[in-house]
Amino acid sequence: MIISASRRTDIPAFHSEWFYNRIKEEYVITKNPMNAKQIKKISLNKKDVDCIVFWTKNPQPMLEQLNLLNGYNYYFHYTITGYDSDIEPNLPTLAERINTLKQLSAVIGPEKIIWRYDPILLTDKIDVNFHIDHFEKIANEIQPYVSKCIISFLDAYPSNHKRLEERKIFVLNDHDIIEVANKFSEIAYQKNLIIETCSEGYSLEAYGICHGKCIDAKFITNVFKIDISVGKDKNQRSNCGCAQSVDIGAYSTCLHNCVYCYATHKSSNYNKCIPFSPILCGQIPDDIIDTL
């Protein structure tokens, strides 16, 4: 079983205490965000967990207790872009995030860190050249400390559509995407950095950018030297190639408040999160339907 922690929120940044408590007690309870009646108790015992995949923009709160993950296979998706606080308002400075990445890499190794430069978006102040300049600047700093880079382009969802319109944030057209792909590929080649896309319908192989799998059974097998057989995750978007996983997060429990985020809805549920509860957000359910 692969644990996703989490596509729905930033567990390392805001819920590391809760997560480590779950590791100590070796189980977690999750609720399907699309169907509140689907409740699962999930084992976090080492023998049941093949790998944990973390998604974060700030893993600093996790660093001091990484030893609690000894015996687990895990890796990080670490998002670092060059946006200002009007797009990503509640993040540490870019320099601080790069320094945190270097600290994390020193502890777990660059092969267990994937740099995410996403989502790529446009505004009246952010153009294609902005992305080329910032991608190169960040790559110059972090290339030795990561295994590869994954990029994706902005998508509009019902949960973020209004915010994007209000802030005049735009998706890239075909010409812009090709220009970004071409320049990013050149920079990545110079830095000996693998670059892949996430959940994109575009074919960018001509520019040296392949379709990636953020949760990748082959990657897990190669890095951790384990045999793992798992199919494609049917609960993700059609263009997503990720392997099946169990997500333990909850929507609207992240305080980064990035304006493009699909996982932040109208009101925050952060205050409903209790570090010692087996469920991240809300009341402990009376009935557990499934156990994994």
Protein backbone atom coordinates (compact mmCIF):
# COMPACT_ATOMS: atom_id res chain seq x y z
CA MET A 1 0.00 0.00 0.00
CA ILE A 2 1.20 3.50 -0.90
CA ILE A 3 0.25 6.38 1.39
CA SER A 4 -0.22 9.83 -0.14
CA ALA A 5 0.41 12.59 2.40
CA SER A 6 -1.19 14.48 0.81
CA ARG A 7 -2.71 15.85 -2.37
CA ARG A 8 -5.43 17.48 -0.25
CA THR A 9 -3.30 19.52 2.14
CA ASP A 10 0.28 20.24 3.19
CA ILE A 11 0.81 17.71 5.98
CA PRO A 12 4.55 18.39 6.46
CA ALA A 13 4.02 22.15 6.79
CA PHE A 14 0.94 22.25 9.03
CA HIS A 15 0.17 18.77 10.36
CA SER A 16 3.51 17.15 11.08
CA GLU A 17 2.67 16.68 14.78
CA TRP A 18 -0.57 14.94 13.83
CA PHE A 19 1.21 12.77 11.28
CA TYR A 20 3.94 11.66 13.68
CA ASN A 21 1.27 10.79 16.24
CA ARG A 22 -0.38 8.61 13.60
CA ILE A 23 2.97 6.93 12.91
CA LYS A 24 3.39 6.22 16.62
CA GLU A 25 -0.11 4.70 16.88
CA GLU A 26 0.28 2.97 13.50
CA TYR A 27 -3.11 3.83 12.05
CA VAL A 28 -5.12 6.71 10.62
CA ILE A 29 -8.79 7.30 9.86
CA THR A 30 -9.80 9.03 6.63
CA LYS A 31 -13.08 10.16 5.15
CA ASN A 32 -13.78 10.28 1.43
CA PRO A 33 -14.19 14.02 0.67
CA MET A 34 -16.72 13.18 -2.06
CA ASN A 35 -18.71 10.76 0.08
CA ALA A 36 -18.69 11.32 3.84
CA LYS A 37 -20.13 7.85 4.42
CA GLN A 38 -17.00 6.21 3.05
CA ILE A 39 -14.76 6.02 6.10
CA LYS A 40 -11.60 3.95 6.33
CA LYS A 41 -9.20 2.90 9.03
CA ILE A 42 -5.79 2.59 7.44
CA SER A 43 -2.84 0.75 8.91
CA LEU A 44 0.42 2.67 9.11
CA ASN A 45 2.34 -0.34 10.38
CA LYS A 46 5.64 -0.72 8.54
CA LYS A 47 4.69 -4.15 7.24
CA ASP A 48 1.58 -2.71 5.55
CA VAL A 49 3.08 0.43 4.03
CA ASP A 50 5.21 0.06 0.91
CA CYS A 51 5.94 3.77 0.63
CA ILE A 52 4.81 7.19 1.88
CA VAL A 53 4.72 10.05 -0.62
CA PHE A 54 4.82 13.54 0.88
CA TRP A 55 3.63 16.65 -0.98
CA THR A 56 4.75 19.95 0.48
CA LYS A 57 5.89 23.52 0.03
CA ASN A 58 7.60 23.61 3.42
CA PRO A 59 8.86 20.40 5.07
CA GLN A 60 10.81 22.32 7.72
CA PRO A 61 8.44 21.31 10.60
CA MET A 62 9.12 17.63 9.86
CA LEU A 63 12.90 17.74 9.87
CA GLU A 64 13.61 17.33 13.58
CA GLN A 65 11.68 14.06 13.89
CA LEU A 66 12.43 12.31 10.63
CA ASN A 67 14.00 9.55 12.70
CA LEU A 68 10.42 8.45 13.53
CA LEU A 69 10.19 7.35 9.91
CA ASN A 70 13.12 4.94 10.20
CA GLY A 71 12.05 1.67 8.64
CA TYR A 72 9.59 3.32 6.24
CA ASN A 73 10.21 3.99 2.56
CA TYR A 74 9.32 7.57 1.72
CA TYR A 75 10.07 10.44 -0.61
CA PHE A 76 9.08 14.09 -0.99
CA HIS A 77 7.48 16.16 -3.71
CA TYR A 78 8.77 19.60 -2.83
CA THR A 79 7.16 22.54 -4.68
CA ILE A 80 9.39 25.58 -5.16
CA THR A 81 8.39 28.35 -7.58
CA GLY A 82 9.39 31.97 -7.82
CA TYR A 83 5.98 33.52 -7.19
CA ASP A 84 5.57 36.49 -4.88
CA SER A 85 3.26 36.63 -1.88
CA ASP A 86 0.35 37.87 -3.98
CA ILE A 87 0.19 34.37 -5.50
CA GLU A 88 1.63 32.27 -2.64
CA PRO A 89 0.99 34.47 0.42
CA ASN A 90 2.01 32.36 3.41
CA LEU A 91 5.27 30.71 2.45
CA PRO A 92 8.76 31.22 3.83
CA THR A 93 11.07 33.20 1.58
CA LEU A 94 12.50 31.52 -1.49
CA ALA A 95 15.95 31.50 0.12
CA GLU A 96 14.57 29.80 3.23
CA ARG A 97 12.78 27.14 1.20
CA ILE A 98 15.90 26.40 -0.81
CA ASN A 99 17.90 26.11 2.41
CA THR A 100 15.27 23.71 3.82
CA LEU A 101 15.56 21.58 0.69
CA LYS A 102 19.31 21.35 1.16
CA GLN A 103 18.82 20.32 4.80
CA LEU A 104 16.28 17.67 3.82
CA SER A 105 18.53 16.34 1.07
CA ALA A 106 21.44 16.05 3.49
CA VAL A 107 19.32 13.81 5.72
CA ILE A 108 17.46 11.59 3.24
CA GLY A 109 19.46 11.96 0.02
CA PRO A 110 18.67 13.72 -3.28
CA GLU A 111 17.22 10.55 -4.79
CA LYS A 112 14.24 10.89 -2.43
CA ILE A 113 13.36 14.47 -3.34
CA ILE A 114 11.45 15.53 -6.45
CA TRP A 115 11.37 19.25 -7.19
CA ARG A 116 7.99 20.47 -8.43
CA TYR A 117 7.79 23.69 -10.42
CA ASP A 118 4.04 23.98 -10.65
CA PRO A 119 1.55 25.20 -11.50
CA ILE A 120 2.91 27.38 -14.29
CA LEU A 121 0.55 30.33 -14.76
CA LEU A 122 0.43 33.80 -16.28
CA THR A 123 -0.70 37.20 -15.01
CA ASP A 124 -0.18 40.76 -16.21
CA LYS A 125 3.12 40.68 -14.27
CA ILE A 126 4.14 37.05 -14.83
CA ASP A 127 5.04 36.06 -18.38
CA VAL A 128 6.95 33.21 -19.99
CA ASN A 129 10.28 34.96 -19.43
CA PHE A 130 9.53 35.17 -15.71
CA HIS A 131 9.26 31.38 -15.58
CA ILE A 132 12.38 30.80 -17.64
CA ASP A 133 14.41 33.14 -15.40
CA HIS A 134 13.10 31.72 -12.14
CA PHE A 135 13.33 28.10 -13.22
CA GLU A 136 16.98 28.60 -14.09
CA LYS A 137 17.70 30.52 -10.89
CA ILE A 138 16.17 27.81 -8.70
CA ALA A 139 17.75 24.98 -10.72
CA ASN A 140 21.17 26.56 -10.23
CA GLU A 141 20.67 26.38 -6.47
CA ILE A 142 19.08 22.97 -5.99
CA GLN A 143 20.12 20.69 -8.85
CA PRO A 144 22.57 18.60 -6.80
CA TYR A 145 20.01 18.14 -4.04
CA VAL A 146 17.08 16.63 -6.00
CA SER A 147 16.52 13.58 -8.20
CA LYS A 148 14.40 15.20 -10.91
CA CYS A 149 11.90 17.96 -11.65
CA ILE A 150 8.18 17.71 -12.40
CA ILE A 151 6.31 20.58 -14.04
CA SER A 152 2.64 21.20 -14.70
CA PHE A 153 0.55 23.97 -16.17
CA LEU A 154 -2.33 25.72 -14.43
CA ASP A 155 -5.74 24.07 -14.51
CA ALA A 156 -8.98 25.77 -13.54
CA TYR A 157 -11.31 23.87 -11.21
CA PRO A 158 -14.70 24.83 -9.75
CA SER A 159 -12.93 25.40 -6.40
CA ASN A 160 -10.38 27.90 -7.77
CA HIS A 161 -12.05 29.32 -10.90
CA LYS A 162 -13.47 32.43 -9.23
CA ARG A 163 -10.18 33.27 -7.50
CA LEU A 164 -8.30 32.95 -10.79
CA GLU A 165 -10.72 35.31 -12.51
CA GLU A 166 -10.59 37.87 -9.70
CA ARG A 167 -6.78 37.91 -9.70
CA LYS A 168 -6.58 37.87 -13.52
CA ILE A 169 -4.58 34.66 -13.55
CA PHE A 170 -4.46 32.86 -16.88
CA VAL A 171 -3.58 29.48 -18.31
CA LEU A 172 -0.87 29.24 -20.95
CA ASN A 173 -1.74 28.89 -24.62
CA ASP A 174 -0.11 26.30 -26.88
CA HIS A 175 2.62 28.67 -28.05
CA ASP A 176 3.54 29.59 -24.47
CA ILE A 177 3.65 25.95 -23.41
CA ILE A 178 5.99 25.04 -26.23
CA GLU A 179 8.28 27.97 -25.42
CA VAL A 180 8.39 27.03 -21.73
CA ALA A 181 9.00 23.38 -22.54
CA ASN A 182 11.83 24.20 -24.94
CA LYS A 183 13.64 26.55 -22.56
CA PHE A 184 13.07 24.45 -19.45
CA SER A 185 14.41 21.42 -21.27
CA GLU A 186 17.56 23.28 -22.29
CA ILE A 187 18.17 24.40 -18.71
CA ALA A 188 17.48 20.94 -17.30
CA TYR A 189 19.89 19.36 -19.82
CA GLN A 190 22.62 21.80 -18.82
CA LYS A 191 22.06 20.89 -15.16
CA ASN A 192 21.85 17.14 -15.84
CA LEU A 193 18.33 17.26 -14.43
CA ILE A 194 15.52 14.93 -15.49
CA ILE A 195 12.31 16.86 -16.25
CA GLU A 196 8.80 15.39 -16.59
CA THR A 197 5.21 16.63 -16.73
CA CYS A 198 2.37 15.95 -14.31
CA SER A 199 -1.12 15.11 -15.59
CA GLU A 200 -0.69 16.90 -18.90
CA GLY A 201 -2.39 16.00 -22.16
CA TYR A 202 0.37 17.75 -24.08
CA SER A 203 3.07 15.63 -25.65
CA LEU A 204 6.38 17.36 -25.00
CA GLU A 205 8.72 14.48 -25.81
CA ALA A 206 10.07 16.49 -28.76
CA TYR A 207 11.57 18.83 -26.17
CA GLY A 208 12.97 16.08 -23.99
CA ILE A 209 10.14 16.17 -21.46
CA CYS A 210 8.30 12.90 -20.85
CA HIS A 211 4.98 12.23 -19.12
CA GLY A 212 5.73 11.70 -15.44
CA LYS A 213 4.07 9.75 -12.65
CA CYS A 214 4.20 11.58 -9.34
CA ILE A 215 3.42 8.35 -7.50
CA ASP A 216 5.48 5.98 -9.58
CA ALA A 217 5.78 2.26 -8.77
CA LYS A 218 8.87 1.97 -10.98
CA PHE A 219 10.53 4.91 -9.20
CA ILE A 220 9.72 3.33 -5.82
CA THR A 221 11.12 -0.01 -6.95
CA ASN A 222 14.34 1.56 -8.21
CA VAL A 223 14.96 3.81 -5.21
CA PHE A 224 13.98 1.45 -2.42
CA LYS A 225 14.81 -1.90 -4.07
CA ILE A 226 11.44 -3.43 -3.29
CA ASP A 227 8.96 -5.37 -5.40
CA ILE A 228 5.71 -3.48 -5.69
CA SER A 229 2.80 -4.28 -7.95
CA VAL A 230 0.04 -1.69 -8.09
CA GLY A 231 -2.24 -0.49 -10.85
CA LYS A 232 -3.12 2.98 -12.09
CA ASP A 233 -5.09 5.15 -9.68
CA LYS A 234 -8.60 5.32 -11.12
CA ASN A 235 -9.59 8.17 -8.80
CA GLN A 236 -7.26 10.69 -10.45
CA ARG A 237 -7.64 12.73 -13.62
CA SER A 238 -7.58 10.88 -16.93
CA ASN A 239 -4.14 12.27 -17.82
CA CYS A 240 -2.68 11.25 -14.47
CA GLY A 241 -0.44 8.20 -14.63
CA CYS A 242 0.01 7.80 -10.88
CA ALA A 243 -0.07 4.43 -9.19
CA GLN A 244 -2.91 3.68 -6.80
CA SER A 245 -2.50 5.19 -3.35
CA VAL A 246 -4.48 6.05 -0.22
CA ASP A 247 -4.64 9.75 0.60
CA ILE A 248 -4.82 10.62 4.30
CA GLY A 249 -5.35 14.38 4.03
CA ALA A 250 -8.40 16.65 4.16
CA TYR A 251 -9.35 19.60 1.98
CA SER A 252 -9.27 23.20 3.24
CA THR A 253 -6.79 22.45 6.03
CA CYS A 254 -3.75 24.19 4.52
CA LEU A 255 -2.82 27.75 5.53
CA HIS A 256 -0.59 28.60 2.56
CA ASN A 257 -3.67 30.07 0.83
CA CYS A 258 -2.14 29.94 -2.64
CA VAL A 259 -4.64 31.59 -4.96
CA TYR A 260 -4.49 28.83 -7.58
CA CYS A 261 -5.03 25.93 -5.15
CA TYR A 262 -7.75 23.41 -5.96
CA ALA A 263 -7.66 21.97 -2.41
CA THR A 264 -8.69 25.15 -0.60
CA HIS A 265 -12.42 25.73 -0.72
CA LYS A 266 -14.59 28.60 0.56
CA SER A 267 -13.79 28.32 4.27
CA SER A 268 -10.88 26.89 6.22
CA ASN A 269 -11.22 23.74 8.29
CA TYR A 270 -7.81 24.16 9.89
CA ASN A 271 -9.25 24.93 13.33
CA LYS A 272 -11.07 21.58 13.25
CA CYS A 273 -7.75 19.71 13.11
CA ILE A 274 -6.65 18.07 16.34
CA PRO A 275 -3.05 16.76 16.58
CA PHE A 276 -4.01 13.78 18.76
CA SER A 277 -7.07 12.72 16.79
CA PRO A 278 -6.85 9.68 14.49
CA ILE A 279 -8.67 11.71 11.81
CA LEU A 280 -7.07 14.91 10.55
CA CYS A 281 -10.18 17.04 10.44
CA GLY A 282 -13.56 16.77 12.12
CA GLN A 283 -15.15 14.38 14.58
CA ILE A 284 -14.09 10.78 14.98
CA PRO A 285 -16.74 8.72 13.18
CA ASP A 286 -18.74 6.11 15.06
CA ASP A 287 -18.58 3.53 12.30
CA ILE A 288 -15.62 2.49 10.20
CA ILE A 289 -16.78 0.98 6.95
CA ASP A 290 -13.50 -0.31 5.55
CA THR A 291 -10.14 -1.26 6.97
CA LEU A 292 -6.91 -1.24 4.97
